[in-house]
PDB file of N, CA and C in Angstrom:
ATOM      1  N   MET A   1     -38.918  25.344 -14.969  1.00  0.00           N
ATOM      2  CA  MET A   1     -38.557  23.862 -16.112  1.00  0.00           C
ATOM      3  C   MET A   1     -38.959  22.799 -15.467  1.00  0.00           C
ATOM      4  N   VAL A   2     -39.763  22.005 -15.702  1.00  0.00           N
ATOM      5  CA  VAL A   2     -39.756  20.516 -15.586  1.00  0.00           C
ATOM      6  C   VAL A   2     -38.798  20.016 -16.025  1.00  0.00           C
ATOM      7  N   ALA A   3     -38.324  18.791 -15.245  1.00  0.00           N
ATOM      8  CA  ALA A   3     -37.624  18.066 -15.641  1.00  0.00           C
ATOM      9  C   ALA A   3     -37.935  16.689 -16.322  1.00  0.00           C
ATOM     10  N   THR A   4     -37.709  16.258 -17.408  1.00  0.00           N
ATOM     11  CA  THR A   4     -38.537  15.424 -18.496  1.00  0.00           C
ATOM     12  C   THR A   4     -37.739  14.183 -18.014  1.00  0.00           C
ATOM     13  N   PRO A   5     -38.174  13.009 -18.216  1.00  0.00           N
ATOM     14  CA  PRO A   5     -37.264  11.597 -18.206  1.00  0.00           C
ATOM     15  C   PRO A   5     -35.939  11.736 -18.536  1.00  0.00           C
ATOM     16  N   ILE A   6     -35.713  12.495 -19.398  1.00  0.00           N
ATOM     17  CA  ILE A   6     -34.461  12.279 -19.754  1.00  0.00           C
ATOM     18  C   ILE A   6     -33.487  13.011 -18.910  1.00  0.00           C
ATOM     19  N   ASP A   7     -33.358  14.308 -18.706  1.00  0.00           N
ATOM     20  CA  ASP A   7     -32.771  14.792 -17.752  1.00  0.00           C
ATOM     21  C   ASP A   7     -32.679  14.190 -16.328  1.00  0.00           C
ATOM     22  N   ILE A   8     -33.631  13.113 -15.639  1.00  0.00           N
ATOM     23  CA  ILE A   8     -33.310  12.431 -14.826  1.00  0.00           C
ATOM     24  C   ILE A   8     -32.673  11.158 -15.213  1.00  0.00           C
ATOM     25  N   ALA A   9     -32.669  10.790 -16.069  1.00  0.00           N
ATOM     26  CA  ALA A   9     -31.855   9.785 -16.418  1.00  0.00           C
ATOM     27  C   ALA A   9     -30.700  10.094 -16.819  1.00  0.00           C
ATOM     28  N   GLN A  10     -30.232  11.549 -17.588  1.00  0.00           N
ATOM     29  CA  GLN A  10     -29.150  11.824 -17.302  1.00  0.00           C
ATOM     30  C   GLN A  10     -28.288  12.248 -15.958  1.00  0.00           C
ATOM     31  N   ALA A  11     -28.597  12.781 -15.159  1.00  0.00           N
ATOM     32  CA  ALA A  11     -28.435  13.353 -13.764  1.00  0.00           C
ATOM     33  C   ALA A  11     -28.221  11.768 -13.079  1.00  0.00           C
ATOM     34  N   ALA A  12     -29.334  11.201 -13.126  1.00  0.00           N
ATOM     35  CA  ALA A  12     -28.489   9.666 -12.298  1.00  0.00           C
ATOM     36  C   ALA A  12     -27.559   9.114 -13.157  1.00  0.00           C
ATOM     37  N   THR A  13     -27.487   9.154 -14.187  1.00  0.00           N
ATOM     38  CA  THR A  13     -26.300   8.527 -14.621  1.00  0.00           C
ATOM     39  C   THR A  13     -24.901   9.541 -14.304  1.00  0.00           C
ATOM     40  N   ALA A  14     -25.295  10.634 -14.536  1.00  0.00           N
ATOM     41  CA  ALA A  14     -24.136  11.027 -13.713  1.00  0.00           C
ATOM     42  C   ALA A  14     -23.850  11.096 -12.249  1.00  0.00           C
ATOM     43  N   ASN A  15     -24.579  10.797 -11.898  1.00  0.00           N
ATOM     44  CA  ASN A  15     -24.696  10.264 -10.336  1.00  0.00           C
ATOM     45  C   ASN A  15     -23.890   9.741 -10.056  1.00  0.00           C
ATOM     46  N   THR A  16     -24.356   8.639 -11.366  1.00  0.00           N
ATOM     47  CA  THR A  16     -23.779   7.137 -10.822  1.00  0.00           C
ATOM     48  C   THR A  16     -22.396   7.014 -11.041  1.00  0.00           C
ATOM     49  N   ALA A  17     -21.871   7.291 -12.143  1.00  0.00           N
ATOM     50  CA  ALA A  17     -20.829   7.632 -12.508  1.00  0.00           C
ATOM     51  C   ALA A  17     -19.554   8.112 -11.749  1.00  0.00           C
ATOM     52  N   THR A  18     -19.823   9.321 -10.781  1.00  0.00           N
ATOM     53  CA  THR A  18     -19.662   9.939  -9.737  1.00  0.00           C
ATOM     54  C   THR A  18     -19.274   8.706  -8.756  1.00  0.00           C
ATOM     55  N   LEU A  19     -19.906   8.708  -7.971  1.00  0.00           N
ATOM     56  CA  LEU A  19     -20.274   7.496  -7.037  1.00  0.00           C
ATOM     57  C   LEU A  19     -19.338   6.079  -8.052  1.00  0.00           C
ATOM     58  N   LEU A  20     -18.939   6.018  -8.780  1.00  0.00           N
ATOM     59  CA  LEU A  20     -18.553   4.544  -9.458  1.00  0.00           C
ATOM     60  C   LEU A  20     -16.862   5.283  -9.315  1.00  0.00           C
ATOM     61  N   LYS A  21     -16.850   6.464  -9.728  1.00  0.00           N
ATOM     62  CA  LYS A  21     -15.242   6.883 -10.029  1.00  0.00           C
ATOM     63  C   LYS A  21     -14.635   7.209  -8.148  1.00  0.00           C
ATOM     64  N   TRP A  22     -15.412   7.879  -7.270  1.00  0.00           N
ATOM     65  CA  TRP A  22     -15.514   7.396  -5.893  1.00  0.00           C
ATOM     66  C   TRP A  22     -14.652   6.480  -5.009  1.00  0.00           C
ATOM     67  N   GLN A  23     -16.125   5.172  -5.576  1.00  0.00           N
ATOM     68  CA  GLN A  23     -16.091   4.217  -5.211  1.00  0.00           C
ATOM     69  C   GLN A  23     -13.998   3.413  -5.461  1.00  0.00           C
ATOM     70  N   LYS A  24     -13.894   3.619  -6.848  1.00  0.00           N
ATOM     71  CA  LYS A  24     -12.144   3.215  -7.221  1.00  0.00           C
ATOM     72  C   LYS A  24     -11.746   3.927  -6.434  1.00  0.00           C
ATOM     73  N   SER A  25     -11.508   4.971  -6.456  1.00  0.00           N
ATOM     74  CA  SER A  25     -10.653   5.736  -5.857  1.00  0.00           C
ATOM     75  C   SER A  25     -10.536   5.466  -4.232  1.00  0.00           C
ATOM     76  N   MET A  26     -11.371   5.403  -3.838  1.00  0.00           N
ATOM     77  CA  MET A  26     -11.333   4.504  -1.948  1.00  0.00           C
ATOM     78  C   MET A  26     -10.589   3.411  -1.888  1.00  0.00           C
ATOM     79  N   GLU A  27     -10.886   1.894  -3.326  1.00  0.00           N
ATOM     80  CA  GLU A  27     -10.450   0.876  -3.515  1.00  0.00           C
ATOM     81  C   GLU A  27      -8.393   1.452  -4.263  1.00  0.00           C
ATOM     82  N   GLU A  28      -8.508   2.308  -4.649  1.00  0.00           N
ATOM     83  CA  GLU A  28      -7.156   2.661  -5.477  1.00  0.00           C
ATOM     84  C   GLU A  28      -6.296   3.136  -4.066  1.00  0.00           C
ATOM     85  N   ARG A  29      -6.885   3.122  -3.006  1.00  0.00           N
ATOM     86  CA  ARG A  29      -6.134   4.548  -2.127  1.00  0.00           C
ATOM     87  C   ARG A  29      -6.118   3.095  -1.214  1.00  0.00           C
ATOM     88  N   ALA A  30      -6.675   2.244  -0.514  1.00  0.00           N
ATOM     89  CA  ALA A  30      -6.580   0.964   0.004  1.00  0.00           C
ATOM     90  C   ALA A  30      -5.800  -0.025  -0.683  1.00  0.00           C
ATOM     91  N   THR A  31      -5.826  -0.423  -1.438  1.00  0.00           N
ATOM     92  CA  THR A  31      -4.825  -0.808  -2.070  1.00  0.00           C
ATOM     93  C   THR A  31      -3.560  -0.163  -2.095  1.00  0.00           C
ATOM     94  N   PHE A  32      -2.982   0.789  -2.037  1.00  0.00           N
ATOM     95  CA  PHE A  32      -1.526   1.687  -1.753  1.00  0.00           C
ATOM     96  C   PHE A  32      -1.361   1.412  -0.460  1.00  0.00           C
ATOM     97  N   ARG A  33      -2.529   1.840   0.347  1.00  0.00           N
ATOM     98  CA  ARG A  33      -1.860   2.092   1.592  1.00  0.00           C
ATOM     99  C   ARG A  33      -1.837   0.125   1.928  1.00  0.00           C
ATOM    100  N   GLN A  34      -2.358  -0.760   1.576  1.00  0.00           N
ATOM    101  CA  GLN A  34      -1.892  -2.182   1.400  1.00  0.00           C
ATOM    102  C   GLN A  34      -0.429  -2.184   1.491  1.00  0.00           C
ATOM    103  N   ASN A  35      -0.386  -1.681   0.047  1.00  0.00           N
ATOM    104  CA  ASN A  35       0.932  -2.025  -0.525  1.00  0.00           C
ATOM    105  C   ASN A  35       2.503  -1.355   0.477  1.00  0.00           C
ATOM    106  N   MET A  36       1.953  -0.558   0.456  1.00  0.00           N
ATOM    107  CA  MET A  36       2.710   0.588   1.756  1.00  0.00           C
ATOM    108  C   MET A  36       3.116  -0.163   2.963  1.00  0.00           C
ATOM    109  N   ASP A  37       2.067  -0.574   3.632  1.00  0.00           N
ATOM    110  CA  ASP A  37       2.164  -1.929   4.876  1.00  0.00           C
ATOM    111  C   ASP A  37       3.018  -2.633   3.988  1.00  0.00           C
ATOM    112  N   GLN A  38       2.818  -3.623   3.223  1.00  0.00           N
ATOM    113  CA  GLN A  38       3.823  -4.456   2.837  1.00  0.00           C
ATOM    114  C   GLN A  38       4.970  -4.383   2.648  1.00  0.00           C
ATOM    115  N   SER A  39       5.699  -3.279   1.881  1.00  0.00           N
ATOM    116  CA  SER A  39       6.820  -2.304   1.028  1.00  0.00           C
ATOM    117  C   SER A  39       7.276  -1.932   2.944  1.00  0.00           C
ATOM    118  N   ARG A  40       7.038  -1.684   3.495  1.00  0.00           N
ATOM    119  CA  ARG A  40       7.332  -1.656   5.431  1.00  0.00           C
ATOM    120  C   ARG A  40       7.984  -2.655   6.176  1.00  0.00           C
ATOM    121  N   ARG A  41       6.773  -3.543   5.657  1.00  0.00           N
ATOM    122  CA  ARG A  41       7.354  -4.876   6.884  1.00  0.00           C
ATOM    123  C   ARG A  41       8.104  -5.836   5.821  1.00  0.00           C
ATOM    124  N   ALA A  42       8.980  -5.311   4.634  1.00  0.00           N
ATOM    125  CA  ALA A  42       9.522  -5.776   3.817  1.00  0.00           C
ATOM    126  C   ALA A  42      10.841  -5.253   4.454  1.00  0.00           C
ATOM    127  N   ILE A  43      11.005  -4.025   3.828  1.00  0.00           N
ATOM    128  CA  ILE A  43      11.797  -3.068   4.909  1.00  0.00           C
ATOM    129  C   ILE A  43      12.282  -3.514   6.027  1.00  0.00           C
ATOM    130  N   GLN A  44      11.564  -3.903   6.760  1.00  0.00           N
ATOM    131  CA  GLN A  44      11.937  -4.152   8.620  1.00  0.00           C
ATOM    132  C   GLN A  44      12.316  -5.553   8.305  1.00  0.00           C
ATOM    133  N   ALA A  45      11.921  -6.346   7.992  1.00  0.00           N
ATOM    134  CA  ALA A  45      12.894  -7.978   7.643  1.00  0.00           C
ATOM    135  C   ALA A  45      13.749  -7.419   7.427  1.00  0.00           C
ATOM    136  N   SER A  46      13.771  -6.549   6.048  1.00  0.00           N
ATOM    137  CA  SER A  46      15.530  -6.461   5.752  1.00  0.00           C
ATOM    138  C   SER A  46      16.603  -5.791   6.709  1.00  0.00           C
ATOM    139  N   ARG A  47      15.794  -5.181   7.726  1.00  0.00           N
ATOM    140  CA  ARG A  47      17.087  -4.217   8.053  1.00  0.00           C
ATOM    141  C   ARG A  47      17.287  -5.622   9.541  1.00  0.00           C
ATOM    142  N   GLU A  48      16.611  -6.312   9.723  1.00  0.00           N
ATOM    143  CA  GLU A  48      16.373  -7.174  10.987  1.00  0.00           C
ATOM    144  C   GLU A  48      17.451  -8.239  10.667  1.00  0.00           C
ATOM    145  N   LEU A  49      17.671  -8.655   9.120  1.00  0.00           N
ATOM    146  CA  LEU A  49      17.797  -9.737   8.731  1.00  0.00           C
ATOM    147  C   LEU A  49      19.858  -8.964   8.940  1.00  0.00           C
ATOM    148  N   LEU A  50      19.835  -7.985   7.629  1.00  0.00           N
ATOM    149  CA  LEU A  50      20.992  -7.603   7.807  1.00  0.00           C
ATOM    150  C   LEU A  50      21.658  -7.223   9.106  1.00  0.00           C
ATOM    151  N   LYS A  51      21.225  -6.745  10.306  1.00  0.00           N
ATOM    152  CA  LYS A  51      21.720  -6.918  11.630  1.00  0.00           C
ATOM    153  C   LYS A  51      21.617  -7.800  12.346  1.00  0.00           C
ATOM    154  N   ARG A  52      21.022  -8.845  12.035  1.00  0.00           N
ATOM    155  CA  ARG A  52      21.784 -10.396  12.126  1.00  0.00           C
ATOM    156  C   ARG A  52      23.060 -10.970  11.962  1.00  0.00           C
ATOM    157  N   LEU A  53      22.895 -10.777  10.111  1.00  0.00           N
ATOM    158  CA  LEU A  53      24.053 -10.943   9.526  1.00  0.00           C
ATOM    159  C   LEU A  53      25.082 -10.171   9.991  1.00  0.00           C
ATOM    160  N   ARG A  54      25.140  -9.198  10.113  1.00  0.00           N
ATOM    161  CA  ARG A  54      26.471  -8.072  10.736  1.00  0.00           C
ATOM    162  C   ARG A  54      26.548  -8.761  12.192  1.00  0.00           C
ATOM    163  N   GLN A  55      25.791  -9.029  12.956  1.00  0.00           N
ATOM    164  CA  GLN A  55      26.365  -9.183  14.453  1.00  0.00           C
ATOM    165  C   GLN A  55      26.846 -10.579  14.256  1.00  0.00           C
ATOM    166  N   ARG A  56      26.185 -11.774  13.323  1.00  0.00           N
ATOM    167  CA  ARG A  56      27.036 -12.971  12.921  1.00  0.00           C
ATOM    168  C   ARG A  56      28.296 -12.612  12.687  1.00  0.00           C
ATOM    169  N   HIS A  57      29.005 -11.777  11.758  1.00  0.00           N
ATOM    170  CA  HIS A  57      30.087 -11.550  10.936  1.00  0.00           C
ATOM    171  C   HIS A  57      31.139 -10.676  12.345  1.00  0.00           C
ATOM    172  N   ARG A  58      30.314 -10.051  13.093  1.00  0.00           N
ATOM    173  CA  ARG A  58      31.265  -9.714  14.012  1.00  0.00           C
ATOM    174  C   ARG A  58      31.584 -10.718  15.105  1.00  0.00           C
ATOM    175  N   ASP A  59      30.926 -11.557  15.381  1.00  0.00           N
ATOM    176  CA  ASP A  59      31.182 -12.893  16.314  1.00  0.00           C
ATOM    177  C   ASP A  59      32.059 -13.685  15.749  1.00  0.00           C
ATOM    178  N   ASP A  60      32.029 -14.127  14.311  1.00  0.00           N
ATOM    179  CA  ASP A  60      32.864 -14.791  13.342  1.00  0.00           C
ATOM    180  C   ASP A  60      34.569 -14.207  13.889  1.00  0.00           C
ATOM    181  N   ASN A  61      33.972 -12.621  13.578  1.00  0.00           N
ATOM    182  CA  ASN A  61      36.080 -11.863  13.678  1.00  0.00           C
ATOM    183  C   ASN A  61      36.267 -12.220  14.966  1.00  0.00           C
ATOM    184  N   SER A  62      34.922 -12.162  15.970  1.00  0.00           N
ATOM    185  CA  SER A  62      35.772 -12.313  17.452  1.00  0.00           C
ATOM    186  C   SER A  62      36.915 -13.184  17.677  1.00  0.00           C
ATOM    187  N   VAL A  63      36.224 -14.270  17.148  1.00  0.00           N
ATOM    188  CA  VAL A  63      36.805 -15.927  17.424  1.00  0.00           C
ATOM    189  C   VAL A  63      37.456 -16.096  16.517  1.00  0.00           C
ATOM    190  N   VAL A  64      38.059 -15.673  15.102  1.00  0.00           N
ATOM    191  CA  VAL A  64      39.407 -15.477  14.550  1.00  0.00           C
ATOM    192  C   VAL A  64      40.261 -14.794  15.748  1.00  0.00           C
ATOM    193  N   ALA A  65      39.897 -13.769  16.005  1.00  0.00           N
ATOM    194  CA  ALA A  65      40.774 -13.089  16.603  1.00  0.00           C
ATOM    195  C   ALA A  65      41.780 -13.810  17.786  1.00  0.00           C
ATOM    196  N   ASP A  66      40.805 -14.255  18.694  1.00  0.00           N
ATOM    197  CA  ASP A  66      40.836 -15.036  19.811  1.00  0.00           C
ATOM    198  C   ASP A  66      41.691 -16.468  19.469  1.00  0.00           C
ATOM    199  N   ALA A  67      41.984 -16.880  18.506  1.00  0.00           N
ATOM    200  CA  ALA A  67      42.277 -17.989  18.375  1.00  0.00           C
ATOM    201  C   ALA A  67      43.596 -17.862  18.227  1.00  0.00           C
TER     202      ALA A  67
END
């Protein structure tokens, strides 16, 4: 069977659609990774803040106990 111009156009359209889906998938994965990295940084900053607050609370309590 010889490919007609319509067959060629349909194949090209299907290929283009597949490539666009793949590209979108890659972009979504990259966005997901960026969001996960941002979440990890926020969690780490929260943990560090909590450590500082706990340490300050301990320091305040030791000053009160010494007085």
